Amino acid sequence: MKLITAIARPDKLADIRDGLEEFGVQGLTVSEASGYGRQKGHKQFYRGAAYTQDLVPKLRIEVLASAEDAPRICDVLLARATTGQPGDGKIWITAVDQIIRVSDRSEGEAAL
């Protein structure tokens, strides 16, 4: 089993969610996040004065999946999150040893 974590632009959430639902993902977790990558923030203007916003608002999207589905879910995330501009985010996959659904105590892939 795998945990797929994506950092993405907030305005891409609807597209990402639609793509994941079309693929068959039944659940995901979305958290607000902020940070920076190679772009080191971005410049904005307020009342004519320029300032650099060091921490850029992003979303952290997490999906638990079978090892077989993880690469295709990454493909969906890449297709739906990409703008072609710096700041599109990152995706990483982490191995998960065990999953337990709290409501019925099902374990493993049955808990997905």
PDB file of N, CA and C in Angstrom:
ATOM      1  N   MET A   1       0.845  -1.179   0.000  1.00  0.00           N
ATOM      2  CA  MET A   1       0.000   0.000   0.000  1.00  0.00           C
ATOM      3  C   MET A   1       0.888   1.238   0.000  1.00  0.00           C
ATOM      4  N   LYS A   2       0.354   2.308  -0.532  1.00  0.00           N
ATOM      5  CA  LYS A   2       1.131   3.536  -0.703  1.00  0.00           C
ATOM      6  C   LYS A   2       0.327   4.747  -0.247  1.00  0.00           C
ATOM      7  N   LEU A   3       1.052   5.748   0.241  1.00  0.00           N
ATOM      8  CA  LEU A   3       0.485   7.065   0.516  1.00  0.00           C
ATOM      9  C   LEU A   3       1.052   8.004  -0.534  1.00  0.00           C
ATOM     10  N   ILE A   4       0.168   8.565  -1.342  1.00  0.00           N
ATOM     11  CA  ILE A   4       0.574   9.514  -2.374  1.00  0.00           C
ATOM     12  C   ILE A   4       0.281  10.906  -1.835  1.00  0.00           C
ATOM     13  N   THR A   5       1.309  11.725  -1.756  1.00  0.00           N
ATOM     14  CA  THR A   5       1.170  13.087  -1.252  1.00  0.00           C
ATOM     15  C   THR A   5       1.522  14.053  -2.374  1.00  0.00           C
ATOM     16  N   ALA A   6       0.648  15.012  -2.584  1.00  0.00           N
ATOM     17  CA  ALA A   6       0.884  16.020  -3.623  1.00  0.00           C
ATOM     18  C   ALA A   6       0.749  17.406  -3.011  1.00  0.00           C
ATOM     19  N   ILE A   7       1.651  18.283  -3.381  1.00  0.00           N
ATOM     20  CA  ILE A   7       1.546  19.700  -3.063  1.00  0.00           C
ATOM     21  C   ILE A   7       1.129  20.379  -4.361  1.00  0.00           C
ATOM     22  N   ALA A   8       0.014  21.108  -4.320  1.00  0.00           N
ATOM     23  CA  ALA A   8      -0.537  21.671  -5.557  1.00  0.00           C
ATOM     24  C   ALA A   8      -1.087  23.071  -5.323  1.00  0.00           C
ATOM     25  N   ARG A   9      -1.319  23.755  -6.421  1.00  0.00           N
ATOM     26  CA  ARG A   9      -1.932  25.086  -6.375  1.00  0.00           C
ATOM     27  C   ARG A   9      -3.387  24.958  -5.909  1.00  0.00           C
ATOM     28  N   PRO A  10      -3.847  25.856  -5.048  1.00  0.00           N
ATOM     29  CA  PRO A  10      -5.237  25.786  -4.571  1.00  0.00           C
ATOM     30  C   PRO A  10      -6.277  25.839  -5.685  1.00  0.00           C
ATOM     31  N   ASP A  11      -6.003  26.584  -6.751  1.00  0.00           N
ATOM     32  CA  ASP A  11      -6.996  26.701  -7.823  1.00  0.00           C
ATOM     33  C   ASP A  11      -7.114  25.440  -8.678  1.00  0.00           C
ATOM     34  N   LYS A  12      -6.271  24.441  -8.452  1.00  0.00           N
ATOM     35  CA  LYS A  12      -6.331  23.194  -9.211  1.00  0.00           C
ATOM     36  C   LYS A  12      -7.114  22.099  -8.483  1.00  0.00           C
ATOM     37  N   LEU A  13      -7.609  22.391  -7.274  1.00  0.00           N
ATOM     38  CA  LEU A  13      -8.258  21.355  -6.473  1.00  0.00           C
ATOM     39  C   LEU A  13      -9.452  20.721  -7.176  1.00  0.00           C
ATOM     40  N   ALA A  14     -10.325  21.504  -7.763  1.00  0.00           N
ATOM     41  CA  ALA A  14     -11.517  20.940  -8.408  1.00  0.00           C
ATOM     42  C   ALA A  14     -11.123  19.990  -9.534  1.00  0.00           C
ATOM     43  N   ASP A  15     -10.154  20.378 -10.363  1.00  0.00           N
ATOM     44  CA  ASP A  15      -9.694  19.506 -11.448  1.00  0.00           C
ATOM     45  C   ASP A  15      -9.078  18.223 -10.899  1.00  0.00           C
ATOM     46  N   ILE A  16      -8.258  18.361  -9.866  1.00  0.00           N
ATOM     47  CA  ILE A  16      -7.608  17.193  -9.274  1.00  0.00           C
ATOM     48  C   ILE A  16      -8.652  16.251  -8.691  1.00  0.00           C
ATOM     49  N   ARG A  17      -9.574  16.804  -7.942  1.00  0.00           N
ATOM     50  CA  ARG A  17     -10.608  15.975  -7.312  1.00  0.00           C
ATOM     51  C   ARG A  17     -11.453  15.263  -8.370  1.00  0.00           C
ATOM     52  N   ASP A  18     -11.853  15.976  -9.412  1.00  0.00           N
ATOM     53  CA  ASP A  18     -12.628  15.356 -10.490  1.00  0.00           C
ATOM     54  C   ASP A  18     -11.856  14.200 -11.123  1.00  0.00           C
ATOM     55  N   GLY A  19     -10.579  14.406 -11.397  1.00  0.00           N
ATOM     56  CA  GLY A  19      -9.760  13.358 -12.002  1.00  0.00           C
ATOM     57  C   GLY A  19      -9.614  12.142 -11.110  1.00  0.00           C
ATOM     58  N   LEU A  20      -9.413  12.377  -9.815  1.00  0.00           N
ATOM     59  CA  LEU A  20      -9.282  11.259  -8.879  1.00  0.00           C
ATOM     60  C   LEU A  20     -10.593  10.495  -8.751  1.00  0.00           C
ATOM     61  N   GLU A  21     -11.714  11.213  -8.718  1.00  0.00           N
ATOM     62  CA  GLU A  21     -13.015  10.544  -8.648  1.00  0.00           C
ATOM     63  C   GLU A  21     -13.282   9.737  -9.913  1.00  0.00           C
ATOM     64  N   GLU A  22     -12.928  10.278 -11.080  1.00  0.00           N
ATOM     65  CA  GLU A  22     -13.090   9.541 -12.336  1.00  0.00           C
ATOM     66  C   GLU A  22     -12.259   8.264 -12.331  1.00  0.00           C
ATOM     67  N   PHE A  23     -11.075   8.323 -11.724  1.00  0.00           N
ATOM     68  CA  PHE A  23     -10.216   7.142 -11.639  1.00  0.00           C
ATOM     69  C   PHE A  23     -10.798   6.102 -10.686  1.00  0.00           C
ATOM     70  N   GLY A  24     -11.561   6.546  -9.702  1.00  0.00           N
ATOM     71  CA  GLY A  24     -12.146   5.620  -8.739  1.00  0.00           C
ATOM     72  C   GLY A  24     -11.655   5.787  -7.314  1.00  0.00           C
ATOM     73  N   VAL A  25     -10.884   6.838  -7.063  1.00  0.00           N
ATOM     74  CA  VAL A  25     -10.442   7.107  -5.695  1.00  0.00           C
ATOM     75  C   VAL A  25     -11.667   7.466  -4.867  1.00  0.00           C
ATOM     76  N   GLN A  26     -11.825   6.797  -3.721  1.00  0.00           N
ATOM     77  CA  GLN A  26     -13.020   7.003  -2.904  1.00  0.00           C
ATOM     78  C   GLN A  26     -12.813   7.975  -1.757  1.00  0.00           C
ATOM     79  N   GLY A  27     -11.577   8.336  -1.478  1.00  0.00           N
ATOM     80  CA  GLY A  27     -11.338   9.276  -0.391  1.00  0.00           C
ATOM     81  C   GLY A  27      -9.988   9.953  -0.530  1.00  0.00           C
ATOM     82  N   LEU A  28      -9.903  11.152  -0.002  1.00  0.00           N
ATOM     83  CA  LEU A  28      -8.645  11.884   0.007  1.00  0.00           C
ATOM     84  C   LEU A  28      -8.673  12.868   1.163  1.00  0.00           C
ATOM     85  N   THR A  29      -7.516  13.331   1.523  1.00  0.00           N
ATOM     86  CA  THR A  29      -7.383  14.346   2.566  1.00  0.00           C
ATOM     87  C   THR A  29      -6.748  15.581   1.938  1.00  0.00           C
ATOM     88  N   VAL A  30      -7.319  16.739   2.224  1.00  0.00           N
ATOM     89  CA  VAL A  30      -6.786  18.003   1.710  1.00  0.00           C
ATOM     90  C   VAL A  30      -6.506  18.913   2.902  1.00  0.00           C
ATOM     91  N   SER A  31      -5.299  19.448   2.960  1.00  0.00           N
ATOM     92  CA  SER A  31      -4.900  20.378   4.019  1.00  0.00           C
ATOM     93  C   SER A  31      -4.300  21.623   3.386  1.00  0.00           C
ATOM     94  N   GLU A  32      -4.510  22.752   4.030  1.00  0.00           N
ATOM     95  CA  GLU A  32      -3.842  23.973   3.579  1.00  0.00           C
ATOM     96  C   GLU A  32      -2.379  23.899   3.985  1.00  0.00           C
ATOM     97  N   ALA A  33      -1.518  24.361   3.107  1.00  0.00           N
ATOM     98  CA  ALA A  33      -0.082  24.361   3.374  1.00  0.00           C
ATOM     99  C   ALA A  33       0.506  25.640   2.800  1.00  0.00           C
ATOM    100  N   SER A  34       1.704  25.959   3.212  1.00  0.00           N
ATOM    101  CA  SER A  34       2.425  27.068   2.598  1.00  0.00           C
ATOM    102  C   SER A  34       3.901  26.725   2.607  1.00  0.00           C
ATOM    103  N   GLY A  35       4.607  27.225   1.628  1.00  0.00           N
ATOM    104  CA  GLY A  35       6.026  26.941   1.529  1.00  0.00           C
ATOM    105  C   GLY A  35       6.595  27.566   0.272  1.00  0.00           C
ATOM    106  N   TYR A  36       7.811  27.160  -0.054  1.00  0.00           N
ATOM    107  CA  TYR A  36       8.429  27.636  -1.281  1.00  0.00           C
ATOM    108  C   TYR A  36       9.357  26.561  -1.809  1.00  0.00           C
ATOM    109  N   GLY A  37       9.620  26.638  -3.087  1.00  0.00           N
ATOM    110  CA  GLY A  37      10.551  25.741  -3.753  1.00  0.00           C
ATOM    111  C   GLY A  37      11.633  26.564  -4.409  1.00  0.00           C
ATOM    112  N   ARG A  38      11.993  26.173  -5.609  1.00  0.00           N
ATOM    113  CA  ARG A  38      13.068  26.878  -6.321  1.00  0.00           C
ATOM    114  C   ARG A  38      12.730  28.330  -6.599  1.00  0.00           C
ATOM    115  N   GLN A  39      11.444  28.641  -6.692  1.00  0.00           N
ATOM    116  CA  GLN A  39      11.057  30.018  -7.011  1.00  0.00           C
ATOM    117  C   GLN A  39      11.241  30.970  -5.832  1.00  0.00           C
ATOM    118  N   LYS A  40      11.373  30.463  -4.627  1.00  0.00           N
ATOM    119  CA  LYS A  40      11.603  31.274  -3.418  1.00  0.00           C
ATOM    120  C   LYS A  40      10.525  32.330  -3.207  1.00  0.00           C
ATOM    121  N   GLY A  41       9.279  31.937  -3.333  1.00  0.00           N
ATOM    122  CA  GLY A  41       8.179  32.869  -3.144  1.00  0.00           C
ATOM    123  C   GLY A  41       7.883  33.632  -4.424  1.00  0.00           C
ATOM    124  N   HIS A  42       7.062  34.657  -4.297  1.00  0.00           N
ATOM    125  CA  HIS A  42       6.772  35.477  -5.468  1.00  0.00           C
ATOM    126  C   HIS A  42       6.505  36.919  -5.046  1.00  0.00           C
ATOM    127  N   LYS A  43       6.708  37.806  -6.004  1.00  0.00           N
ATOM    128  CA  LYS A  43       6.582  39.237  -5.749  1.00  0.00           C
ATOM    129  C   LYS A  43       5.129  39.665  -5.945  1.00  0.00           C
ATOM    130  N   GLN A  44       4.638  40.500  -5.028  1.00  0.00           N
ATOM    131  CA  GLN A  44       3.298  41.053  -5.135  1.00  0.00           C
ATOM    132  C   GLN A  44       3.375  42.553  -4.889  1.00  0.00           C
ATOM    133  N   PHE A  45       2.287  43.215  -5.229  1.00  0.00           N
ATOM    134  CA  PHE A  45       2.218  44.660  -5.021  1.00  0.00           C
ATOM    135  C   PHE A  45       1.011  44.979  -4.151  1.00  0.00           C
ATOM    136  N   TYR A  46       1.222  45.897  -3.201  1.00  0.00           N
ATOM    137  CA  TYR A  46       0.142  46.366  -2.346  1.00  0.00           C
ATOM    138  C   TYR A  46       0.265  47.872  -2.239  1.00  0.00           C
ATOM    139  N   ARG A  47      -0.764  48.579  -2.707  1.00  0.00           N
ATOM    140  CA  ARG A  47      -0.768  50.047  -2.704  1.00  0.00           C
ATOM    141  C   ARG A  47       0.484  50.625  -3.347  1.00  0.00           C
ATOM    142  N   GLY A  48       0.884  50.021  -4.449  1.00  0.00           N
ATOM    143  CA  GLY A  48       2.020  50.522  -5.207  1.00  0.00           C
ATOM    144  C   GLY A  48       3.377  50.072  -4.714  1.00  0.00           C
ATOM    145  N   ALA A  49       3.431  49.430  -3.568  1.00  0.00           N
ATOM    146  CA  ALA A  49       4.710  48.976  -3.029  1.00  0.00           C
ATOM    147  C   ALA A  49       4.888  47.484  -3.307  1.00  0.00           C
ATOM    148  N   ALA A  50       6.071  47.115  -3.775  1.00  0.00           N
ATOM    149  CA  ALA A  50       6.374  45.713  -4.057  1.00  0.00           C
ATOM    150  C   ALA A  50       6.877  45.033  -2.785  1.00  0.00           C
ATOM    151  N   TYR A  51       6.454  43.802  -2.595  1.00  0.00           N
ATOM    152  CA  TYR A  51       6.987  42.990  -1.505  1.00  0.00           C
ATOM    153  C   TYR A  51       7.016  41.538  -1.967  1.00  0.00           C
ATOM    154  N   THR A  52       7.865  40.744  -1.336  1.00  0.00           N
ATOM    155  CA  THR A  52       7.986  39.332  -1.683  1.00  0.00           C
ATOM    156  C   THR A  52       7.231  38.501  -0.666  1.00  0.00           C
ATOM    157  N   GLN A  53       6.332  37.676  -1.171  1.00  0.00           N
ATOM    158  CA  GLN A  53       5.628  36.730  -0.310  1.00  0.00           C
ATOM    159  C   GLN A  53       6.472  35.458  -0.300  1.00  0.00           C
ATOM    160  N   ASP A  54       7.182  35.231   0.816  1.00  0.00           N
ATOM    161  CA  ASP A  54       8.127  34.116   0.899  1.00  0.00           C
ATOM    162  C   ASP A  54       7.435  32.761   0.912  1.00  0.00           C
ATOM    163  N   LEU A  55       6.343  32.646   1.643  1.00  0.00           N
ATOM    164  CA  LEU A  55       5.626  31.382   1.739  1.00  0.00           C
ATOM    165  C   LEU A  55       4.379  31.454   0.871  1.00  0.00           C
ATOM    166  N   VAL A  56       4.347  30.624  -0.135  1.00  0.00           N
ATOM    167  CA  VAL A  56       3.263  30.629  -1.108  1.00  0.00           C
ATOM    168  C   VAL A  56       2.176  29.658  -0.654  1.00  0.00           C
ATOM    169  N   PRO A  57       0.899  30.070  -0.675  1.00  0.00           N
ATOM    170  CA  PRO A  57      -0.179  29.162  -0.276  1.00  0.00           C
ATOM    171  C   PRO A  57      -0.321  28.005  -1.265  1.00  0.00           C
ATOM    172  N   LYS A  58      -0.431  26.805  -0.711  1.00  0.00           N
ATOM    173  CA  LYS A  58      -0.590  25.581  -1.499  1.00  0.00           C
ATOM    174  C   LYS A  58      -1.592  24.676  -0.794  1.00  0.00           C
ATOM    175  N   LEU A  59      -1.907  23.563  -1.433  1.00  0.00           N
ATOM    176  CA  LEU A  59      -2.704  22.512  -0.816  1.00  0.00           C
ATOM    177  C   LEU A  59      -1.869  21.250  -0.745  1.00  0.00           C
ATOM    178  N   ARG A  60      -2.052  20.508   0.335  1.00  0.00           N
ATOM    179  CA  ARG A  60      -1.432  19.188   0.487  1.00  0.00           C
ATOM    180  C   ARG A  60      -2.552  18.174   0.321  1.00  0.00           C
ATOM    181  N   ILE A  61      -2.436  17.332  -0.686  1.00  0.00           N
ATOM    182  CA  ILE A  61      -3.459  16.344  -1.005  1.00  0.00           C
ATOM    183  C   ILE A  61      -2.859  14.968  -0.756  1.00  0.00           C
ATOM    184  N   GLU A  62      -3.555  14.156   0.042  1.00  0.00           N
ATOM    185  CA  GLU A  62      -3.058  12.824   0.384  1.00  0.00           C
ATOM    186  C   GLU A  62      -4.081  11.772  -0.020  1.00  0.00           C
ATOM    187  N   VAL A  63      -3.586  10.710  -0.659  1.00  0.00           N
ATOM    188  CA  VAL A  63      -4.438   9.617  -1.114  1.00  0.00           C
ATOM    189  C   VAL A  63      -3.768   8.305  -0.732  1.00  0.00           C
ATOM    190  N   LEU A  64      -4.507   7.424  -0.063  1.00  0.00           N
ATOM    191  CA  LEU A  64      -4.034   6.070   0.196  1.00  0.00           C
ATOM    192  C   LEU A  64      -4.478   5.190  -0.957  1.00  0.00           C
ATOM    193  N   ALA A  65      -3.571   4.330  -1.436  1.00  0.00           N
ATOM    194  CA  ALA A  65      -3.888   3.507  -2.602  1.00  0.00           C
ATOM    195  C   ALA A  65      -3.115   2.197  -2.556  1.00  0.00           C
ATOM    196  N   SER A  66      -3.557   1.261  -3.368  1.00  0.00           N
ATOM    197  CA  SER A  66      -2.798   0.022  -3.534  1.00  0.00           C
ATOM    198  C   SER A  66      -1.514   0.342  -4.295  1.00  0.00           C
ATOM    199  N   ALA A  67      -0.535  -0.529  -4.150  1.00  0.00           N
ATOM    200  CA  ALA A  67       0.731  -0.330  -4.857  1.00  0.00           C
ATOM    201  C   ALA A  67       0.517  -0.338  -6.369  1.00  0.00           C
ATOM    202  N   GLU A  68      -0.471  -1.108  -6.831  1.00  0.00           N
ATOM    203  CA  GLU A  68      -0.746  -1.191  -8.267  1.00  0.00           C
ATOM    204  C   GLU A  68      -1.354   0.108  -8.801  1.00  0.00           C
ATOM    205  N   ASP A  69      -2.208   0.758  -8.013  1.00  0.00           N
ATOM    206  CA  ASP A  69      -2.888   1.976  -8.460  1.00  0.00           C
ATOM    207  C   ASP A  69      -2.035   3.236  -8.323  1.00  0.00           C
ATOM    208  N   ALA A  70      -1.026   3.210  -7.469  1.00  0.00           N
ATOM    209  CA  ALA A  70      -0.255   4.420  -7.164  1.00  0.00           C
ATOM    210  C   ALA A  70       0.332   5.106  -8.401  1.00  0.00           C
ATOM    211  N   PRO A  71       0.967   4.390  -9.337  1.00  0.00           N
ATOM    212  CA  PRO A  71       1.520   5.092 -10.510  1.00  0.00           C
ATOM    213  C   PRO A  71       0.448   5.771 -11.360  1.00  0.00           C
ATOM    214  N   ARG A  72      -0.714   5.140 -11.502  1.00  0.00           N
ATOM    215  CA  ARG A  72      -1.782   5.741 -12.310  1.00  0.00           C
ATOM    216  C   ARG A  72      -2.400   6.938 -11.597  1.00  0.00           C
ATOM    217  N   ILE A  73      -2.475   6.881 -10.272  1.00  0.00           N
ATOM    218  CA  ILE A  73      -2.973   8.033  -9.520  1.00  0.00           C
ATOM    219  C   ILE A  73      -2.000   9.202  -9.676  1.00  0.00           C
ATOM    220  N   CYS A  74      -0.712   8.918  -9.667  1.00  0.00           N
ATOM    221  CA  CYS A  74       0.284   9.974  -9.920  1.00  0.00           C
ATOM    222  C   CYS A  74       0.093  10.575 -11.306  1.00  0.00           C
ATOM    223  N   ASP A  75      -0.216   9.735 -12.289  1.00  0.00           N
ATOM    224  CA  ASP A  75      -0.476  10.245 -13.639  1.00  0.00           C
ATOM    225  C   ASP A  75      -1.666  11.204 -13.643  1.00  0.00           C
ATOM    226  N   VAL A  76      -2.719  10.848 -12.905  1.00  0.00           N
ATOM    227  CA  VAL A  76      -3.895  11.724 -12.804  1.00  0.00           C
ATOM    228  C   VAL A  76      -3.500  13.049 -12.158  1.00  0.00           C
ATOM    229  N   LEU A  77      -2.752  12.976 -11.058  1.00  0.00           N
ATOM    230  CA  LEU A  77      -2.315  14.198 -10.377  1.00  0.00           C
ATOM    231  C   LEU A  77      -1.472  15.069 -11.302  1.00  0.00           C
ATOM    232  N   LEU A  78      -0.550  14.458 -12.015  1.00  0.00           N
ATOM    233  CA  LEU A  78       0.295  15.224 -12.938  1.00  0.00           C
ATOM    234  C   LEU A  78      -0.535  15.880 -14.032  1.00  0.00           C
ATOM    235  N   ALA A  79      -1.474  15.141 -14.595  1.00  0.00           N
ATOM    236  CA  ALA A  79      -2.293  15.686 -15.682  1.00  0.00           C
ATOM    237  C   ALA A  79      -3.180  16.828 -15.207  1.00  0.00           C
ATOM    238  N   ARG A  80      -3.714  16.710 -13.997  1.00  0.00           N
ATOM    239  CA  ARG A  80      -4.676  17.694 -13.513  1.00  0.00           C
ATOM    240  C   ARG A  80      -4.040  18.880 -12.794  1.00  0.00           C
ATOM    241  N   ALA A  81      -2.819  18.732 -12.271  1.00  0.00           N
ATOM    242  CA  ALA A  81      -2.200  19.802 -11.481  1.00  0.00           C
ATOM    243  C   ALA A  81      -1.236  20.669 -12.281  1.00  0.00           C
ATOM    244  N   THR A  82      -0.836  20.215 -13.450  1.00  0.00           N
ATOM    245  CA  THR A  82       0.207  20.901 -14.207  1.00  0.00           C
ATOM    246  C   THR A  82      -0.313  22.151 -14.916  1.00  0.00           C
ATOM    247  N   THR A  83       0.416  23.263 -14.725  1.00  0.00           N
ATOM    248  CA  THR A  83       0.167  24.478 -15.510  1.00  0.00           C
ATOM    249  C   THR A  83       1.343  24.755 -16.440  1.00  0.00           C
ATOM    250  N   GLY A  84       2.469  24.088 -16.175  1.00  0.00           N
ATOM    251  CA  GLY A  84       3.677  24.332 -16.959  1.00  0.00           C
ATOM    252  C   GLY A  84       4.521  25.468 -16.419  1.00  0.00           C
ATOM    253  N   GLN A  85       4.097  26.060 -15.317  1.00  0.00           N
ATOM    254  CA  GLN A  85       4.809  27.182 -14.715  1.00  0.00           C
ATOM    255  C   GLN A  85       5.489  26.732 -13.424  1.00  0.00           C
ATOM    256  N   PRO A  86       6.564  27.422 -13.021  1.00  0.00           N
ATOM    257  CA  PRO A  86       7.158  27.119 -11.719  1.00  0.00           C
ATOM    258  C   PRO A  86       6.106  27.268 -10.621  1.00  0.00           C
ATOM    259  N   GLY A  87       6.181  26.403  -9.630  1.00  0.00           N
ATOM    260  CA  GLY A  87       5.228  26.465  -8.528  1.00  0.00           C
ATOM    261  C   GLY A  87       4.084  25.478  -8.653  1.00  0.00           C
ATOM    262  N   ASP A  88       4.158  24.565  -9.640  1.00  0.00           N
ATOM    263  CA  ASP A  88       3.098  23.569  -9.792  1.00  0.00           C
ATOM    264  C   ASP A  88       3.067  22.573  -8.638  1.00  0.00           C
ATOM    265  N   GLY A  89       4.169  22.400  -7.932  1.00  0.00           N
ATOM    266  CA  GLY A  89       4.164  21.533  -6.761  1.00  0.00           C
ATOM    267  C   GLY A  89       5.054  20.318  -6.905  1.00  0.00           C
ATOM    268  N   LYS A  90       4.807  19.346  -6.029  1.00  0.00           N
ATOM    269  CA  LYS A  90       5.581  18.110  -5.976  1.00  0.00           C
ATOM    270  C   LYS A  90       4.625  16.964  -5.683  1.00  0.00           C
ATOM    271  N   ILE A  91       5.056  15.753  -6.031  1.00  0.00           N
ATOM    272  CA  ILE A  91       4.333  14.534  -5.678  1.00  0.00           C
ATOM    273  C   ILE A  91       5.364  13.551  -5.145  1.00  0.00           C
ATOM    274  N   TRP A  92       5.028  12.883  -4.048  1.00  0.00           N
ATOM    275  CA  TRP A  92       5.895  11.810  -3.573  1.00  0.00           C
ATOM    276  C   TRP A  92       5.042  10.654  -3.072  1.00  0.00           C
ATOM    277  N   ILE A  93       5.648   9.474  -3.095  1.00  0.00           N
ATOM    278  CA  ILE A  93       4.957   8.247  -2.707  1.00  0.00           C
ATOM    279  C   ILE A  93       5.719   7.626  -1.548  1.00  0.00           C
ATOM    280  N   THR A  94       4.977   7.247  -0.514  1.00  0.00           N
ATOM    281  CA  THR A  94       5.547   6.651   0.683  1.00  0.00           C
ATOM    282  C   THR A  94       4.924   5.278   0.896  1.00  0.00           C
ATOM    283  N   ALA A  95       5.740   4.311   1.267  1.00  0.00           N
ATOM    284  CA  ALA A  95       5.222   2.978   1.588  1.00  0.00           C
ATOM    285  C   ALA A  95       4.434   3.040   2.897  1.00  0.00           C
ATOM    286  N   VAL A  96       3.328   2.322   2.942  1.00  0.00           N
ATOM    287  CA  VAL A  96       2.483   2.257   4.138  1.00  0.00           C
ATOM    288  C   VAL A  96       2.451   0.803   4.592  1.00  0.00           C
ATOM    289  N   ASP A  97       2.819   0.565   5.841  1.00  0.00           N
ATOM    290  CA  ASP A  97       2.853  -0.801   6.363  1.00  0.00           C
ATOM    291  C   ASP A  97       1.472  -1.352   6.657  1.00  0.00           C
ATOM    292  N   GLN A  98       0.605  -0.514   7.212  1.00  0.00           N
ATOM    293  CA  GLN A  98      -0.702  -1.008   7.618  1.00  0.00           C
ATOM    294  C   GLN A  98      -1.718   0.124   7.605  1.00  0.00           C
ATOM    295  N   ILE A  99      -2.950  -0.221   7.232  1.00  0.00           N
ATOM    296  CA  ILE A  99      -4.067   0.717   7.288  1.00  0.00           C
ATOM    297  C   ILE A  99      -5.179   0.037   8.071  1.00  0.00           C
ATOM    298  N   ILE A 100      -5.805   0.778   8.969  1.00  0.00           N
ATOM    299  CA  ILE A 100      -6.953   0.269   9.722  1.00  0.00           C
ATOM    300  C   ILE A 100      -8.063   1.302   9.632  1.00  0.00           C
ATOM    301  N   ARG A 101      -9.229   0.889   9.148  1.00  0.00           N
ATOM    302  CA  ARG A 101     -10.395   1.777   9.139  1.00  0.00           C
ATOM    303  C   ARG A 101     -10.991   1.730  10.543  1.00  0.00           C
ATOM    304  N   VAL A 102     -11.127   2.864  11.166  1.00  0.00           N
ATOM    305  CA  VAL A 102     -11.555   2.946  12.559  1.00  0.00           C
ATOM    306  C   VAL A 102     -12.985   2.450  12.738  1.00  0.00           C
ATOM    307  N   SER A 103     -13.896   2.790  11.838  1.00  0.00           N
ATOM    308  CA  SER A 103     -15.321   2.482  12.041  1.00  0.00           C
ATOM    309  C   SER A 103     -15.614   0.993  12.107  1.00  0.00           C
ATOM    310  N   ASP A 104     -14.955   0.188  11.280  1.00  0.00           N
ATOM    311  CA  ASP A 104     -15.260  -1.246  11.279  1.00  0.00           C
ATOM    312  C   ASP A 104     -14.031  -2.129  11.486  1.00  0.00           C
ATOM    313  N   ARG A 105     -12.892  -1.505  11.730  1.00  0.00           N
ATOM    314  CA  ARG A 105     -11.631  -2.187  12.003  1.00  0.00           C
ATOM    315  C   ARG A 105     -11.121  -3.043  10.848  1.00  0.00           C
ATOM    316  N   SER A 106     -11.607  -2.792   9.641  1.00  0.00           N
ATOM    317  CA  SER A 106     -11.053  -3.522   8.501  1.00  0.00           C
ATOM    318  C   SER A 106      -9.614  -3.062   8.290  1.00  0.00           C
ATOM    319  N   GLU A 107      -8.799  -3.967   7.753  1.00  0.00           N
ATOM    320  CA  GLU A 107      -7.372  -3.695   7.621  1.00  0.00           C
ATOM    321  C   GLU A 107      -6.894  -3.914   6.196  1.00  0.00           C
ATOM    322  N   GLY A 108      -5.729  -3.360   5.908  1.00  0.00           N
ATOM    323  CA  GLY A 108      -5.097  -3.545   4.607  1.00  0.00           C
ATOM    324  C   GLY A 108      -5.884  -2.878   3.495  1.00  0.00           C
ATOM    325  N   GLU A 109      -5.853  -3.499   2.314  1.00  0.00           N
ATOM    326  CA  GLU A 109      -6.535  -2.903   1.158  1.00  0.00           C
ATOM    327  C   GLU A 109      -8.038  -2.830   1.349  1.00  0.00           C
ATOM    328  N   ALA A 110      -8.595  -3.681   2.206  1.00  0.00           N
ATOM    329  CA  ALA A 110     -10.037  -3.610   2.495  1.00  0.00           C
ATOM    330  C   ALA A 110     -10.392  -2.298   3.187  1.00  0.00           C
ATOM    331  N   ALA A 111      -9.418  -1.671   3.838  1.00  0.00           N
ATOM    332  CA  ALA A 111      -9.657  -0.413   4.551  1.00  0.00           C
ATOM    333  C   ALA A 111      -9.558   0.803   3.632  1.00  0.00           C
ATOM    334  N   LEU A 112      -9.095   0.592   2.401  1.00  0.00           N
ATOM    335  CA  LEU A 112      -9.001   1.713   1.467  1.00  0.00           C
ATOM    336  C   LEU A 112     -10.390   2.137   1.066  1.00  0.00           C
TER     337      LEU A 112
END
